[in-house]
PDB file of N, CA and C in Angstrom:
ATOM      1  N   MET A   1      60.517  62.706  86.376  1.00  0.00           N
ATOM      2  CA  MET A   1      61.124  61.521  85.812  1.00  0.00           C
ATOM      3  C   MET A   1      60.458  60.300  86.443  1.00  0.00           C
ATOM      4  N   THR A   2      60.046  59.359  85.602  1.00  0.00           N
ATOM      5  CA  THR A   2      59.413  58.137  86.063  1.00  0.00           C
ATOM      6  C   THR A   2      60.158  56.948  85.463  1.00  0.00           C
ATOM      7  N   ILE A   3      61.011  56.332  86.256  1.00  0.00           N
ATOM      8  CA  ILE A   3      61.788  55.176  85.791  1.00  0.00           C
ATOM      9  C   ILE A   3      60.958  53.921  86.014  1.00  0.00           C
ATOM     10  N   LYS A   4      60.744  53.166  84.955  1.00  0.00           N
ATOM     11  CA  LYS A   4      59.952  51.936  85.012  1.00  0.00           C
ATOM     12  C   LYS A   4      60.653  50.847  84.222  1.00  0.00           C
ATOM     13  N   VAL A   5      60.316  49.598  84.559  1.00  0.00           N
ATOM     14  CA  VAL A   5      60.735  48.447  83.770  1.00  0.00           C
ATOM     15  C   VAL A   5      59.478  47.924  83.085  1.00  0.00           C
ATOM     16  N   LEU A   6      59.549  47.821  81.766  1.00  0.00           N
ATOM     17  CA  LEU A   6      58.434  47.318  80.981  1.00  0.00           C
ATOM     18  C   LEU A   6      58.773  45.923  80.489  1.00  0.00           C
ATOM     19  N   VAL A   7      57.837  45.004  80.631  1.00  0.00           N
ATOM     20  CA  VAL A   7      57.977  43.686  80.020  1.00  0.00           C
ATOM     21  C   VAL A   7      57.162  43.757  78.737  1.00  0.00           C
ATOM     22  N   LEU A   8      57.837  43.524  77.619  1.00  0.00           N
ATOM     23  CA  LEU A   8      57.192  43.629  76.318  1.00  0.00           C
ATOM     24  C   LEU A   8      56.722  42.264  75.824  1.00  0.00           C
ATOM     25  N   LYS A   9      55.803  42.266  74.874  1.00  0.00           N
ATOM     26  CA  LYS A   9      55.324  41.019  74.267  1.00  0.00           C
ATOM     27  C   LYS A   9      56.467  40.195  73.682  1.00  0.00           C
ATOM     28  N   SER A  10      57.528  40.872  73.284  1.00  0.00           N
ATOM     29  CA  SER A  10      58.692  40.195  72.696  1.00  0.00           C
ATOM     30  C   SER A  10      59.482  39.425  73.751  1.00  0.00           C
ATOM     31  N   GLY A  11      59.167  39.663  75.043  1.00  0.00           N
ATOM     32  CA  GLY A  11      59.883  39.009  76.127  1.00  0.00           C
ATOM     33  C   GLY A  11      61.009  39.854  76.696  1.00  0.00           C
ATOM     34  N   GLU A  12      61.258  41.002  76.103  1.00  0.00           N
ATOM     35  CA  GLU A  12      62.326  41.880  76.580  1.00  0.00           C
ATOM     36  C   GLU A  12      61.888  42.635  77.834  1.00  0.00           C
ATOM     37  N   ASP A  13      62.828  42.841  78.740  1.00  0.00           N
ATOM     38  CA  ASP A  13      62.642  43.730  79.881  1.00  0.00           C
ATOM     39  C   ASP A  13      63.368  45.018  79.533  1.00  0.00           C
ATOM     40  N   VAL A  14      62.637  46.128  79.476  1.00  0.00           N
ATOM     41  CA  VAL A  14      63.206  47.408  79.074  1.00  0.00           C
ATOM     42  C   VAL A  14      63.024  48.409  80.211  1.00  0.00           C
ATOM     43  N   ILE A  15      64.129  49.034  80.611  1.00  0.00           N
ATOM     44  CA  ILE A  15      64.076  50.086  81.620  1.00  0.00           C
ATOM     45  C   ILE A  15      64.209  51.425  80.907  1.00  0.00           C
ATOM     46  N   ALA A  16      63.400  52.392  81.341  1.00  0.00           N
ATOM     47  CA  ALA A  16      63.415  53.700  80.682  1.00  0.00           C
ATOM     48  C   ALA A  16      62.729  54.730  81.564  1.00  0.00           C
ATOM     49  N   ASP A  17      62.952  55.986  81.199  1.00  0.00           N
ATOM     50  CA  ASP A  17      62.166  57.082  81.754  1.00  0.00           C
ATOM     51  C   ASP A  17      60.901  57.101  80.907  1.00  0.00           C
ATOM     52  N   VAL A  18      59.743  56.838  81.516  1.00  0.00           N
ATOM     53  CA  VAL A  18      58.499  56.607  80.778  1.00  0.00           C
ATOM     54  C   VAL A  18      57.523  57.766  80.954  1.00  0.00           C
ATOM     55  N   GLN A  19      56.929  58.170  79.829  1.00  0.00           N
ATOM     56  CA  GLN A  19      55.844  59.157  79.842  1.00  0.00           C
ATOM     57  C   GLN A  19      54.672  58.566  79.078  1.00  0.00           C
ATOM     58  N   GLU A  20      53.476  58.792  79.573  1.00  0.00           N
ATOM     59  CA  GLU A  20      52.285  58.280  78.907  1.00  0.00           C
ATOM     60  C   GLU A  20      51.980  59.069  77.638  1.00  0.00           C
ATOM     61  N   MET A  21      51.483  58.355  76.637  1.00  0.00           N
ATOM     62  CA  MET A  21      50.996  58.954  75.398  1.00  0.00           C
ATOM     63  C   MET A  21      49.464  58.884  75.491  1.00  0.00           C
ATOM     64  N   VAL A  22      48.819  60.023  75.712  1.00  0.00           N
ATOM     65  CA  VAL A  22      47.383  60.055  75.974  1.00  0.00           C
ATOM     66  C   VAL A  22      46.634  60.660  74.795  1.00  0.00           C
ATOM     67  N   SER A  23      45.518  60.028  74.434  1.00  0.00           N
ATOM     68  CA  SER A  23      44.663  60.548  73.370  1.00  0.00           C
ATOM     69  C   SER A  23      43.992  61.826  73.857  1.00  0.00           C
ATOM     70  N   PRO A  24      44.093  62.920  73.080  1.00  0.00           N
ATOM     71  CA  PRO A  24      43.481  64.176  73.524  1.00  0.00           C
ATOM     72  C   PRO A  24      41.951  64.128  73.546  1.00  0.00           C
ATOM     73  N   THR A  25      41.359  63.259  72.746  1.00  0.00           N
ATOM     74  CA  THR A  25      39.893  63.209  72.691  1.00  0.00           C
ATOM     75  C   THR A  25      39.301  62.275  73.747  1.00  0.00           C
ATOM     76  N   THR A  26      39.888  61.093  73.928  1.00  0.00           N
ATOM     77  CA  THR A  26      39.319  60.119  74.867  1.00  0.00           C
ATOM     78  C   THR A  26      40.030  60.114  76.217  1.00  0.00           C
ATOM     79  N   GLU A  27      41.181  60.758  76.278  1.00  0.00           N
ATOM     80  CA  GLU A  27      42.009  60.800  77.477  1.00  0.00           C
ATOM     81  C   GLU A  27      42.447  59.402  77.947  1.00  0.00           C
ATOM     82  N   GLN A  28      42.495  58.450  77.030  1.00  0.00           N
ATOM     83  CA  GLN A  28      42.971  57.106  77.324  1.00  0.00           C
ATOM     84  C   GLN A  28      44.440  56.992  76.939  1.00  0.00           C
ATOM     85  N   VAL A  29      45.164  56.133  77.668  1.00  0.00           N
ATOM     86  CA  VAL A  29      46.572  55.893  77.356  1.00  0.00           C
ATOM     87  C   VAL A  29      46.640  55.039  76.090  1.00  0.00           C
ATOM     88  N   MET A  30      47.287  55.577  75.061  1.00  0.00           N
ATOM     89  CA  MET A  30      47.445  54.877  73.789  1.00  0.00           C
ATOM     90  C   MET A  30      48.788  54.168  73.711  1.00  0.00           C
ATOM     91  N   GLY A  31      49.750  54.685  74.466  1.00  0.00           N
ATOM     92  CA  GLY A  31      51.096  54.142  74.425  1.00  0.00           C
ATOM     93  C   GLY A  31      51.983  54.907  75.378  1.00  0.00           C
ATOM     94  N   TYR A  32      53.289  54.766  75.148  1.00  0.00           N
ATOM     95  CA  TYR A  32      54.265  55.391  76.043  1.00  0.00           C
ATOM     96  C   TYR A  32      55.419  55.942  75.222  1.00  0.00           C
ATOM     97  N   PHE A  33      56.056  56.976  75.757  1.00  0.00           N
ATOM     98  CA  PHE A  33      57.290  57.492  75.210  1.00  0.00           C
ATOM     99  C   PHE A  33      58.407  57.037  76.138  1.00  0.00           C
ATOM    100  N   LEU A  34      59.409  56.363  75.578  1.00  0.00           N
ATOM    101  CA  LEU A  34      60.530  55.857  76.359  1.00  0.00           C
ATOM    102  C   LEU A  34      61.764  56.695  76.080  1.00  0.00           C
ATOM    103  N   SER A  35      62.309  57.286  77.124  1.00  0.00           N
ATOM    104  CA  SER A  35      63.528  58.076  77.004  1.00  0.00           C
ATOM    105  C   SER A  35      64.698  57.244  77.510  1.00  0.00           C
ATOM    106  N   SER A  36      65.770  57.169  76.737  1.00  0.00           N
ATOM    107  CA  SER A  36      66.973  56.391  77.072  1.00  0.00           C
ATOM    108  C   SER A  36      66.652  54.946  77.446  1.00  0.00           C
ATOM    109  N   PRO A  37      65.882  54.233  76.599  1.00  0.00           N
ATOM    110  CA  PRO A  37      65.519  52.857  76.934  1.00  0.00           C
ATOM    111  C   PRO A  37      66.699  51.894  76.822  1.00  0.00           C
ATOM    112  N   CYS A  38      66.775  50.972  77.771  1.00  0.00           N
ATOM    113  CA  CYS A  38      67.810  49.937  77.782  1.00  0.00           C
ATOM    114  C   CYS A  38      67.173  48.584  78.075  1.00  0.00           C
ATOM    115  N   VAL A  39      67.672  47.555  77.407  1.00  0.00           N
ATOM    116  CA  VAL A  39      67.266  46.189  77.714  1.00  0.00           C
ATOM    117  C   VAL A  39      68.010  45.769  78.972  1.00  0.00           C
ATOM    118  N   VAL A  40      67.307  45.134  79.897  1.00  0.00           N
ATOM    119  CA  VAL A  40      67.903  44.644  81.141  1.00  0.00           C
ATOM    120  C   VAL A  40      67.943  43.122  81.075  1.00  0.00           C
ATOM    121  N   LYS A  41      69.121  42.576  81.318  1.00  0.00           N
ATOM    122  CA  LYS A  41      69.274  41.116  81.338  1.00  0.00           C
ATOM    123  C   LYS A  41      69.901  40.707  82.657  1.00  0.00           C
ATOM    124  N   LEU A  42      69.333  39.673  83.274  1.00  0.00           N
ATOM    125  CA  LEU A  42      69.860  39.112  84.512  1.00  0.00           C
ATOM    126  C   LEU A  42      70.489  37.766  84.200  1.00  0.00           C
ATOM    127  N   GLN A  43      71.629  37.488  84.830  1.00  0.00           N
ATOM    128  CA  GLN A  43      72.285  36.210  84.619  1.00  0.00           C
ATOM    129  C   GLN A  43      72.924  35.772  85.925  1.00  0.00           C
ATOM    130  N   ALA A  44      72.596  34.539  86.336  1.00  0.00           N
ATOM    131  CA  ALA A  44      73.201  33.990  87.544  1.00  0.00           C
ATOM    132  C   ALA A  44      74.653  33.653  87.247  1.00  0.00           C
ATOM    133  N   LYS A  45      75.538  33.916  88.223  1.00  0.00           N
ATOM    134  CA  LYS A  45      76.960  33.631  88.020  1.00  0.00           C
ATOM    135  C   LYS A  45      77.252  32.137  88.076  1.00  0.00           C
ATOM    136  N   ASP A  46      76.459  31.405  88.838  1.00  0.00           N
ATOM    137  CA  ASP A  46      76.557  29.946  88.838  1.00  0.00           C
ATOM    138  C   ASP A  46      75.159  29.385  89.037  1.00  0.00           C
ATOM    139  N   MET A  47      75.023  28.102  89.044  1.00  0.00           N
ATOM    140  CA  MET A  47      73.704  27.493  89.056  1.00  0.00           C
ATOM    141  C   MET A  47      73.140  27.247  90.455  1.00  0.00           C
ATOM    142  N   SER A  48      73.848  27.612  91.514  1.00  0.00           N
ATOM    143  CA  SER A  48      73.333  27.377  92.856  1.00  0.00           C
ATOM    144  C   SER A  48      72.206  28.353  93.176  1.00  0.00           C
ATOM    145  N   ALA A  49      71.351  27.971  94.093  1.00  0.00           N
ATOM    146  CA  ALA A  49      70.213  28.802  94.474  1.00  0.00           C
ATOM    147  C   ALA A  49      70.662  30.083  95.168  1.00  0.00           C
ATOM    148  N   GLU A  50      71.846  30.094  95.735  1.00  0.00           N
ATOM    149  CA  GLU A  50      72.352  31.246  96.481  1.00  0.00           C
ATOM    150  C   GLU A  50      73.329  32.083  95.657  1.00  0.00           C
ATOM    151  N   SER A  51      73.301  31.938  94.349  1.00  0.00           N
ATOM    152  CA  SER A  51      74.283  32.623  93.514  1.00  0.00           C
ATOM    153  C   SER A  51      73.987  34.116  93.387  1.00  0.00           C
ATOM    154  N   GLU A  52      75.042  34.876  93.109  1.00  0.00           N
ATOM    155  CA  GLU A  52      74.888  36.289  92.823  1.00  0.00           C
ATOM    156  C   GLU A  52      74.332  36.435  91.417  1.00  0.00           C
ATOM    157  N   VAL A  53      73.737  37.580  91.168  1.00  0.00           N
ATOM    158  CA  VAL A  53      73.138  37.846  89.872  1.00  0.00           C
ATOM    159  C   VAL A  53      73.896  38.987  89.210  1.00  0.00           C
ATOM    160  N   SER A  54      74.231  38.804  87.949  1.00  0.00           N
ATOM    161  CA  SER A  54      74.863  39.845  87.161  1.00  0.00           C
ATOM    162  C   SER A  54      73.769  40.558  86.368  1.00  0.00           C
ATOM    163  N   VAL A  55      73.810  41.879  86.368  1.00  0.00           N
ATOM    164  CA  VAL A  55      72.830  42.685  85.646  1.00  0.00           C
ATOM    165  C   VAL A  55      73.540  43.377  84.496  1.00  0.00           C
ATOM    166  N   ARG A  56      72.971  43.262  83.313  1.00  0.00           N
ATOM    167  CA  ARG A  56      73.566  43.875  82.125  1.00  0.00           C
ATOM    168  C   ARG A  56      72.504  44.734  81.447  1.00  0.00           C
ATOM    169  N   MET A  57      72.898  45.934  81.055  1.00  0.00           N
ATOM    170  CA  MET A  57      72.005  46.832  80.319  1.00  0.00           C
ATOM    171  C   MET A  57      72.668  47.205  79.009  1.00  0.00           C
ATOM    172  N   HIS A  58      71.873  47.200  77.961  1.00  0.00           N
ATOM    173  CA  HIS A  58      72.366  47.713  76.683  1.00  0.00           C
ATOM    174  C   HIS A  58      71.228  48.453  75.992  1.00  0.00           C
ATOM    175  N   PRO A  59      71.566  49.392  75.122  1.00  0.00           N
ATOM    176  CA  PRO A  59      70.542  50.238  74.501  1.00  0.00           C
ATOM    177  C   PRO A  59      69.481  49.430  73.756  1.00  0.00           C
ATOM    178  N   TRP A  60      68.247  49.863  73.900  1.00  0.00           N
ATOM    179  CA  TRP A  60      67.135  49.318  73.133  1.00  0.00           C
ATOM    180  C   TRP A  60      66.867  50.321  72.023  1.00  0.00           C
ATOM    181  N   MET A  61      66.848  49.899  70.798  1.00  0.00           N
ATOM    182  CA  MET A  61      66.684  50.771  69.629  1.00  0.00           C
ATOM    183  C   MET A  61      67.872  51.721  69.466  1.00  0.00           C
ATOM    184  N   PRO A  62      69.109  51.202  69.464  1.00  0.00           N
ATOM    185  CA  PRO A  62      70.288  52.078  69.403  1.00  0.00           C
ATOM    186  C   PRO A  62      70.463  52.820  68.078  1.00  0.00           C
ATOM    187  N   ILE A  63      69.777  52.389  67.030  1.00  0.00           N
ATOM    188  CA  ILE A  63      69.968  53.050  65.733  1.00  0.00           C
ATOM    189  C   ILE A  63      68.912  54.128  65.455  1.00  0.00           C
ATOM    190  N   ALA A  64      68.017  54.376  66.420  1.00  0.00           N
ATOM    191  CA  ALA A  64      66.972  55.393  66.231  1.00  0.00           C
ATOM    192  C   ALA A  64      67.535  56.796  66.447  1.00  0.00           C
ATOM    193  N   ARG A  65      67.053  57.737  65.674  1.00  0.00           N
ATOM    194  CA  ARG A  65      67.439  59.139  65.855  1.00  0.00           C
ATOM    195  C   ARG A  65      66.645  59.786  66.988  1.00  0.00           C
ATOM    196  N   GLU A  66      65.422  59.312  67.183  1.00  0.00           N
ATOM    197  CA  GLU A  66      64.539  59.916  68.178  1.00  0.00           C
ATOM    198  C   GLU A  66      65.106  59.758  69.587  1.00  0.00           C
ATOM    199  N   LYS A  67      64.908  60.796  70.384  1.00  0.00           N
ATOM    200  CA  LYS A  67      65.298  60.751  71.796  1.00  0.00           C
ATOM    201  C   LYS A  67      64.193  60.098  72.628  1.00  0.00           C
ATOM    202  N   MET A  68      62.951  60.250  72.173  1.00  0.00           N
ATOM    203  CA  MET A  68      61.797  59.662  72.840  1.00  0.00           C
ATOM    204  C   MET A  68      61.218  58.603  71.902  1.00  0.00           C
ATOM    205  N   ILE A  69      61.325  57.338  72.272  1.00  0.00           N
ATOM    206  CA  ILE A  69      60.859  56.238  71.424  1.00  0.00           C
ATOM    207  C   ILE A  69      59.404  55.924  71.779  1.00  0.00           C
ATOM    208  N   PRO A  70      58.486  56.040  70.819  1.00  0.00           N
ATOM    209  CA  PRO A  70      57.092  55.702  71.110  1.00  0.00           C
ATOM    210  C   PRO A  70      56.881  54.191  71.050  1.00  0.00           C
ATOM    211  N   ILE A  71      56.027  53.686  71.926  1.00  0.00           N
ATOM    212  CA  ILE A  71      55.665  52.270  71.907  1.00  0.00           C
ATOM    213  C   ILE A  71      54.170  52.170  72.172  1.00  0.00           C
ATOM    214  N   ASN A  72      53.503  51.330  71.407  1.00  0.00           N
ATOM    215  CA  ASN A  72      52.071  51.127  71.542  1.00  0.00           C
ATOM    216  C   ASN A  72      51.776  50.415  72.857  1.00  0.00           C
ATOM    217  N   ALA A  73      50.717  50.815  73.541  1.00  0.00           N
ATOM    218  CA  ALA A  73      50.343  50.209  74.822  1.00  0.00           C
ATOM    219  C   ALA A  73      50.083  48.710  74.682  1.00  0.00           C
ATOM    220  N   ASP A  74      49.641  48.264  73.504  1.00  0.00           N
ATOM    221  CA  ASP A  74      49.370  46.838  73.279  1.00  0.00           C
ATOM    222  C   ASP A  74      50.619  45.973  73.387  1.00  0.00           C
ATOM    223  N   TRP A  75      51.788  46.565  73.235  1.00  0.00           N
ATOM    224  CA  TRP A  75      53.028  45.799  73.299  1.00  0.00           C
ATOM    225  C   TRP A  75      53.564  45.639  74.718  1.00  0.00           C
ATOM    226  N   VAL A  76      52.965  46.342  75.661  1.00  0.00           N
ATOM    227  CA  VAL A  76      53.422  46.290  77.048  1.00  0.00           C
ATOM    228  C   VAL A  76      52.588  45.261  77.808  1.00  0.00           C
ATOM    229  N   VAL A  77      53.270  44.213  78.307  1.00  0.00           N
ATOM    230  CA  VAL A  77      52.598  43.187  79.095  1.00  0.00           C
ATOM    231  C   VAL A  77      52.358  43.706  80.506  1.00  0.00           C
ATOM    232  N   THR A  78      53.404  44.285  81.093  1.00  0.00           N
ATOM    233  CA  THR A  78      53.293  44.876  82.420  1.00  0.00           C
ATOM    234  C   THR A  78      54.380  45.927  82.597  1.00  0.00           C
ATOM    235  N   MET A  79      54.181  46.793  83.587  1.00  0.00           N
ATOM    236  CA  MET A  79      55.146  47.845  83.881  1.00  0.00           C
ATOM    237  C   MET A  79      55.285  47.923  85.398  1.00  0.00           C
ATOM    238  N   VAL A  80      56.546  47.921  85.875  1.00  0.00           N
ATOM    239  CA  VAL A  80      56.807  47.938  87.311  1.00  0.00           C
ATOM    240  C   VAL A  80      57.901  48.946  87.646  1.00  0.00           C
ATOM    241  N   THR A  81      57.949  49.300  88.919  1.00  0.00           N
ATOM    242  CA  THR A  81      59.027  50.141  89.420  1.00  0.00           C
ATOM    243  C   THR A  81      60.216  49.249  89.730  1.00  0.00           C
ATOM    244  N   PRO A  82      61.407  49.573  89.222  1.00  0.00           N
ATOM    245  CA  PRO A  82      62.567  48.709  89.483  1.00  0.00           C
ATOM    246  C   PRO A  82      63.011  48.780  90.941  1.00  0.00           C
ATOM    247  N   VAL A  83      63.693  47.719  91.391  1.00  0.00           N
ATOM    248  CA  VAL A  83      64.280  47.750  92.727  1.00  0.00           C
ATOM    249  C   VAL A  83      65.313  48.869  92.763  1.00  0.00           C
ATOM    250  N   GLU A  84      65.623  49.345  93.947  1.00  0.00           N
ATOM    251  CA  GLU A  84      66.486  50.523  94.098  1.00  0.00           C
ATOM    252  C   GLU A  84      67.851  50.365  93.430  1.00  0.00           C
ATOM    253  N   LYS A  85      68.483  49.191  93.572  1.00  0.00           N
ATOM    254  CA  LYS A  85      69.820  48.998  92.986  1.00  0.00           C
ATOM    255  C   LYS A  85      69.799  49.117  91.473  1.00  0.00           C
ATOM    256  N   ILE A  86      68.766  48.580  90.838  1.00  0.00           N
ATOM    257  CA  ILE A  86      68.670  48.637  89.374  1.00  0.00           C
ATOM    258  C   ILE A  86      68.364  50.063  88.929  1.00  0.00           C
ATOM    259  N   GLN A  87      67.470  50.745  89.639  1.00  0.00           N
ATOM    260  CA  GLN A  87      67.172  52.128  89.290  1.00  0.00           C
ATOM    261  C   GLN A  87      68.404  53.005  89.457  1.00  0.00           C
ATOM    262  N   GLU A  88      69.136  52.793  90.535  1.00  0.00           N
ATOM    263  CA  GLU A  88      70.366  53.564  90.768  1.00  0.00           C
ATOM    264  C   GLU A  88      71.399  53.293  89.677  1.00  0.00           C
ATOM    265  N   MET A  89      71.536  52.037  89.287  1.00  0.00           N
ATOM    266  CA  MET A  89      72.468  51.676  88.222  1.00  0.00           C
ATOM    267  C   MET A  89      72.078  52.377  86.916  1.00  0.00           C
ATOM    268  N   TYR A  90      70.794  52.362  86.585  1.00  0.00           N
ATOM    269  CA  TYR A  90      70.305  53.008  85.369  1.00  0.00           C
ATOM    270  C   TYR A  90      70.536  54.522  85.418  1.00  0.00           C
ATOM    271  N   GLU A  91      70.181  55.150  86.521  1.00  0.00           N
ATOM    272  CA  GLU A  91      70.353  56.592  86.644  1.00  0.00           C
ATOM    273  C   GLU A  91      71.821  56.989  86.578  1.00  0.00           C
ATOM    274  N   THR A  92      72.674  56.247  87.256  1.00  0.00           N
ATOM    275  CA  THR A  92      74.098  56.579  87.308  1.00  0.00           C
ATOM    276  C   THR A  92      74.787  56.320  85.978  1.00  0.00           C
ATOM    277  N   GLN A  93      74.584  55.138  85.413  1.00  0.00           N
ATOM    278  CA  GLN A  93      75.339  54.728  84.232  1.00  0.00           C
ATOM    279  C   GLN A  93      74.729  55.184  82.914  1.00  0.00           C
ATOM    280  N   VAL A  94      73.418  55.374  82.865  1.00  0.00           N
ATOM    281  CA  VAL A  94      72.788  55.751  81.598  1.00  0.00           C
ATOM    282  C   VAL A  94      72.390  57.219  81.600  1.00  0.00           C
ATOM    283  N   LEU A  95      71.606  57.644  82.565  1.00  0.00           N
ATOM    284  CA  LEU A  95      71.103  59.020  82.551  1.00  0.00           C
ATOM    285  C   LEU A  95      72.160  60.048  82.927  1.00  0.00           C
ATOM    286  N   ASN A  96      72.900  59.824  83.986  1.00  0.00           N
ATOM    287  CA  ASN A  96      73.855  60.831  84.459  1.00  0.00           C
ATOM    288  C   ASN A  96      75.086  60.972  83.578  1.00  0.00           C
ATOM    289  N   ASN A  97      75.579  59.883  83.048  1.00  0.00           N
ATOM    290  CA  ASN A  97      76.789  59.935  82.232  1.00  0.00           C
ATOM    291  C   ASN A  97      76.492  59.994  80.746  1.00  0.00           C
ATOM    292  N   GLY A  98      75.238  59.865  80.377  1.00  0.00           N
ATOM    293  CA  GLY A  98      74.890  59.872  78.970  1.00  0.00           C
ATOM    294  C   GLY A  98      75.373  58.636  78.245  1.00  0.00           C
ATOM    295  N   LYS A  99      75.747  57.596  78.994  1.00  0.00           N
ATOM    296  CA  LYS A  99      76.226  56.369  78.369  1.00  0.00           C
ATOM    297  C   LYS A  99      75.059  55.431  78.144  1.00  0.00           C
ATOM    298  N   GLU A 100      74.935  54.941  76.919  1.00  0.00           N
ATOM    299  CA  GLU A 100      73.918  53.949  76.609  1.00  0.00           C
ATOM    300  C   GLU A 100      74.574  52.717  75.988  1.00  0.00           C
ATOM    301  N   THR A 101      75.812  52.495  76.363  1.00  0.00           N
ATOM    302  CA  THR A 101      76.521  51.322  75.885  1.00  0.00           C
ATOM    303  C   THR A 101      76.363  50.200  76.894  1.00  0.00           C
ATOM    304  N   ASP A 102      76.858  49.016  76.579  1.00  0.00           N
ATOM    305  CA  ASP A 102      76.737  47.876  77.481  1.00  0.00           C
ATOM    306  C   ASP A 102      77.304  48.217  78.843  1.00  0.00           C
ATOM    307  N   GLN A 103      76.536  47.957  79.872  1.00  0.00           N
ATOM    308  CA  GLN A 103      76.943  48.196  81.248  1.00  0.00           C
ATOM    309  C   GLN A 103      76.695  46.917  82.027  1.00  0.00           C
ATOM    310  N   THR A 104      77.605  46.561  82.920  1.00  0.00           N
ATOM    311  CA  THR A 104      77.453  45.369  83.730  1.00  0.00           C
ATOM    312  C   THR A 104      77.673  45.733  85.181  1.00  0.00           C
ATOM    313  N   SER A 105      76.881  45.141  86.056  1.00  0.00           N
ATOM    314  CA  SER A 105      77.029  45.359  87.484  1.00  0.00           C
ATOM    315  C   SER A 105      76.710  44.072  88.200  1.00  0.00           C
ATOM    316  N   ASP A 106      77.362  43.852  89.342  1.00  0.00           N
ATOM    317  CA  ASP A 106      77.075  42.688  90.153  1.00  0.00           C
ATOM    318  C   ASP A 106      76.157  43.100  91.281  1.00  0.00           C
ATOM    319  N   SER A 107      75.270  42.199  91.630  1.00  0.00           N
ATOM    320  CA  SER A 107      74.354  42.445  92.731  1.00  0.00           C
ATOM    321  C   SER A 107      74.552  41.377  93.779  1.00  0.00           C
ATOM    322  N   ASP A 108      74.586  41.781  95.044  1.00  0.00           N
ATOM    323  CA  ASP A 108      74.691  40.827  96.123  1.00  0.00           C
ATOM    324  C   ASP A 108      73.349  40.196  96.437  1.00  0.00           C
ATOM    325  N   GLU A 109      72.299  40.751  95.861  1.00  0.00           N
ATOM    326  CA  GLU A 109      70.977  40.215  96.111  1.00  0.00           C
ATOM    327  C   GLU A 109      70.779  38.927  95.338  1.00  0.00           C
ATOM    328  N   GLN A 110      70.067  38.010  95.945  1.00  0.00           N
ATOM    329  CA  GLN A 110      69.765  36.769  95.286  1.00  0.00           C
ATOM    330  C   GLN A 110      68.579  36.990  94.356  1.00  0.00           C
ATOM    331  N   SER A 111      68.485  36.180  93.349  1.00  0.00           N
ATOM    332  CA  SER A 111      67.348  36.253  92.459  1.00  0.00           C
ATOM    333  C   SER A 111      66.181  35.555  93.152  1.00  0.00           C
ATOM    334  N   GLU A 112      65.158  36.341  93.479  1.00  0.00           N
ATOM    335  CA  GLU A 112      64.020  35.784  94.183  1.00  0.00           C
ATOM    336  C   GLU A 112      62.760  36.124  93.413  1.00  0.00           C
ATOM    337  N   THR A 113      61.854  35.159  93.322  1.00  0.00           N
ATOM    338  CA  THR A 113      60.587  35.426  92.685  1.00  0.00           C
ATOM    339  C   THR A 113      59.610  35.903  93.730  1.00  0.00           C
ATOM    340  N   GLY A 114      58.663  36.701  93.311  1.00  0.00           N
ATOM    341  CA  GLY A 114      57.633  37.167  94.217  1.00  0.00           C
ATOM    342  C   GLY A 114      58.014  38.390  95.017  1.00  0.00           C
ATOM    343  N   ASN A 115      59.200  38.956  94.794  1.00  0.00           N
ATOM    344  CA  ASN A 115      59.592  40.174  95.514  1.00  0.00           C
ATOM    345  C   ASN A 115      58.793  41.341  95.000  1.00  0.00           C
ATOM    346  N   THR A 116      58.380  42.202  95.894  1.00  0.00           N
ATOM    347  CA  THR A 116      57.728  43.428  95.483  1.00  0.00           C
ATOM    348  C   THR A 116      58.490  44.590  96.068  1.00  0.00           C
ATOM    349  N   ASP A 117      58.359  45.716  95.439  1.00  0.00           N
ATOM    350  CA  ASP A 117      59.074  46.903  95.894  1.00  0.00           C
ATOM    351  C   ASP A 117      58.185  47.754  96.727  1.00  0.00           C
TER     352      ASP A 117
END
């Protein structure tokens, strides 16, 4: 299982269990298969620099029948490993319980730019 957050050209942040879609002839990555994809949205509780951040996840492509959603590599701006709290939230609330409905969690971490995992 490889949990990643993808930033798409559409501006959406999508968390999913990601598998590469590789061309059998050229062995190049053509795209990705996303299992249980969810849009991740962050929202500050107030406007202060020290505010807590609320994290909300809801299904991406909820009307699809497919369990593995294919996405072209051209649509992915970047792909990163989520911070531990977000990955744990995704695994617990989406993968373990089979729930892909709106989920909300509070984080004590401040929203900081430039953080790396």
